[in-house]
Amino acid sequence: MFALSGSTASVVEERGITALHLTMTHDAGLAAAFVVLEGIRDDRTVPRGDDRR
């Protein structure tokens, strides 16, 4: 579970993000983390000129 606050919480809400997934790994003194955000696309938030569907 994520506890978001401030501007991060605002951006997540504004963009319609409904789920966040975190994965972390480490080995031999190296570490990596990735966060994947899921949401419902709202065409009003897609910049003009972006025709990806």
N, C-alpha and C. Protein backbone atom coordinates (compact mmCIF):
# COMPACT_ATOMS: atom_id res chain seq x y z
N MET A 1 0.85 -1.17 0.00
CA MET A 1 0.00 0.00 0.00
C MET A 1 0.90 1.24 0.00
N PHE A 2 0.52 2.22 -0.80
CA PHE A 2 1.25 3.48 -0.86
C PHE A 2 0.50 4.55 -0.09
N ALA A 3 1.21 5.38 0.61
CA ALA A 3 0.63 6.55 1.27
C ALA A 3 1.19 7.78 0.58
N LEU A 4 0.42 8.34 -0.33
CA LEU A 4 0.87 9.51 -1.09
C LEU A 4 0.35 10.78 -0.45
N SER A 5 1.12 11.85 -0.59
CA SER A 5 0.69 13.13 -0.03
C SER A 5 1.21 14.26 -0.89
N GLY A 6 0.74 15.45 -0.62
CA GLY A 6 1.22 16.65 -1.30
C GLY A 6 1.01 16.62 -2.80
N SER A 7 2.00 17.15 -3.53
CA SER A 7 1.87 17.28 -4.98
C SER A 7 1.81 15.92 -5.67
N THR A 8 2.46 14.91 -5.10
CA THR A 8 2.40 13.57 -5.70
C THR A 8 0.97 13.05 -5.66
N ALA A 9 0.31 13.17 -4.54
CA ALA A 9 -1.08 12.72 -4.42
C ALA A 9 -1.98 13.49 -5.39
N SER A 10 -1.74 14.77 -5.55
CA SER A 10 -2.54 15.59 -6.47
C SER A 10 -2.37 15.13 -7.92
N VAL A 11 -1.14 14.89 -8.33
CA VAL A 11 -0.87 14.46 -9.70
C VAL A 11 -1.49 13.09 -9.96
N VAL A 12 -1.36 12.17 -9.02
CA VAL A 12 -1.94 10.83 -9.18
C VAL A 12 -3.45 10.95 -9.36
N GLU A 13 -4.10 11.76 -8.56
CA GLU A 13 -5.55 11.93 -8.68
C GLU A 13 -5.93 12.61 -9.99
N GLU A 14 -5.23 13.68 -10.36
CA GLU A 14 -5.53 14.42 -11.59
C GLU A 14 -5.39 13.55 -12.83
N ARG A 15 -4.46 12.64 -12.82
CA ARG A 15 -4.20 11.79 -13.99
C ARG A 15 -5.02 10.51 -14.00
N GLY A 16 -5.85 10.32 -13.01
CA GLY A 16 -6.73 9.15 -12.97
C GLY A 16 -6.01 7.85 -12.68
N ILE A 17 -4.88 7.93 -12.00
CA ILE A 17 -4.14 6.73 -11.65
C ILE A 17 -4.90 5.99 -10.56
N THR A 18 -5.13 4.70 -10.80
CA THR A 18 -5.95 3.92 -9.86
C THR A 18 -5.16 2.86 -9.11
N ALA A 19 -3.95 2.54 -9.57
CA ALA A 19 -3.15 1.52 -8.89
C ALA A 19 -1.67 1.79 -9.11
N LEU A 20 -0.87 1.50 -8.11
CA LEU A 20 0.58 1.60 -8.19
C LEU A 20 1.18 0.27 -7.78
N HIS A 21 2.19 -0.18 -8.52
CA HIS A 21 2.85 -1.45 -8.23
C HIS A 21 4.34 -1.19 -8.09
N LEU A 22 4.95 -1.72 -7.07
CA LEU A 22 6.37 -1.53 -6.80
C LEU A 22 7.08 -2.87 -6.83
N THR A 23 8.22 -2.91 -7.50
CA THR A 23 9.09 -4.08 -7.45
C THR A 23 10.49 -3.61 -7.11
N MET A 24 11.15 -4.35 -6.25
CA MET A 24 12.52 -4.03 -5.85
C MET A 24 13.37 -5.28 -5.93
N THR A 25 14.65 -5.08 -6.22
CA THR A 25 15.58 -6.20 -6.27
C THR A 25 16.95 -5.72 -5.79
N HIS A 26 17.78 -6.65 -5.36
CA HIS A 26 19.14 -6.30 -4.97
C HIS A 26 20.03 -7.52 -5.08
N ASP A 27 21.29 -7.27 -5.32
CA ASP A 27 22.28 -8.34 -5.40
C ASP A 27 23.66 -7.71 -5.40
N ALA A 28 24.56 -8.24 -4.64
CA ALA A 28 25.97 -7.84 -4.62
C ALA A 28 26.16 -6.32 -4.52
N GLY A 29 25.41 -5.69 -3.63
CA GLY A 29 25.60 -4.26 -3.41
C GLY A 29 24.90 -3.35 -4.40
N LEU A 30 24.15 -3.91 -5.34
CA LEU A 30 23.38 -3.11 -6.30
C LEU A 30 21.90 -3.29 -6.02
N ALA A 31 21.14 -2.23 -6.26
CA ALA A 31 19.70 -2.31 -6.04
C ALA A 31 18.98 -1.58 -7.17
N ALA A 32 17.75 -2.01 -7.42
CA ALA A 32 16.91 -1.37 -8.42
C ALA A 32 15.46 -1.43 -7.95
N ALA A 33 14.70 -0.41 -8.35
CA ALA A 33 13.27 -0.37 -8.03
C ALA A 33 12.52 0.20 -9.21
N PHE A 34 11.33 -0.33 -9.45
CA PHE A 34 10.47 0.15 -10.52
C PHE A 34 9.07 0.34 -9.97
N VAL A 35 8.42 1.40 -10.40
CA VAL A 35 7.02 1.63 -10.04
C VAL A 35 6.23 1.69 -11.33
N VAL A 36 5.14 0.92 -11.39
CA VAL A 36 4.25 0.92 -12.54
C VAL A 36 2.93 1.52 -12.08
N LEU A 37 2.43 2.49 -12.86
CA LEU A 37 1.18 3.17 -12.54
C LEU A 37 0.11 2.70 -13.51
N GLU A 38 -1.10 2.45 -13.00
CA GLU A 38 -2.22 2.05 -13.84
C GLU A 38 -3.35 3.05 -13.68
N GLY A 39 -4.08 3.25 -14.75
CA GLY A 39 -5.24 4.12 -14.69
C GLY A 39 -6.07 4.01 -15.95
N ILE A 40 -7.13 4.75 -15.97
CA ILE A 40 -8.01 4.80 -17.13
C ILE A 40 -7.63 6.03 -17.94
N ARG A 41 -7.38 5.82 -19.23
CA ARG A 41 -6.96 6.92 -20.09
C ARG A 41 -8.11 7.90 -20.28
N ASP A 42 -7.78 9.16 -20.14
CA ASP A 42 -8.71 10.26 -20.36
C ASP A 42 -8.10 11.11 -21.47
N ASP A 43 -8.70 11.12 -22.65
CA ASP A 43 -8.11 11.81 -23.79
C ASP A 43 -7.88 13.30 -23.54
N ARG A 44 -8.52 13.85 -22.54
CA ARG A 44 -8.28 15.26 -22.24
C ARG A 44 -6.89 15.48 -21.65
N THR A 45 -6.25 14.43 -21.16
CA THR A 45 -4.93 14.58 -20.54
C THR A 45 -3.81 14.24 -21.49
N VAL A 46 -4.12 13.80 -22.72
CA VAL A 46 -3.10 13.43 -23.69
C VAL A 46 -2.69 14.68 -24.45
N PRO A 47 -1.39 14.99 -24.50
CA PRO A 47 -0.95 16.20 -25.21
C PRO A 47 -1.36 16.16 -26.68
N ARG A 48 -1.66 17.29 -27.24
CA ARG A 48 -2.03 17.37 -28.66
C ARG A 48 -0.89 16.88 -29.52
N GLY A 49 -1.24 16.24 -30.63
CA GLY A 49 -0.23 15.71 -31.52
C GLY A 49 0.15 14.29 -31.18
N ASP A 50 -0.33 13.79 -30.07
CA ASP A 50 -0.04 12.41 -29.67
C ASP A 50 -1.21 11.55 -30.14
N ASP A 51 -0.99 10.77 -31.21
CA ASP A 51 -2.07 9.99 -31.76
C ASP A 51 -2.00 8.53 -31.35
N ARG A 52 -1.23 8.21 -30.32
CA ARG A 52 -1.18 6.83 -29.83
C ARG A 52 -2.49 6.46 -29.19
N ARG A 53 -3.01 5.32 -29.49
CA ARG A 53 -4.29 4.86 -28.91
C ARG A 53 -4.11 3.55 -28.23
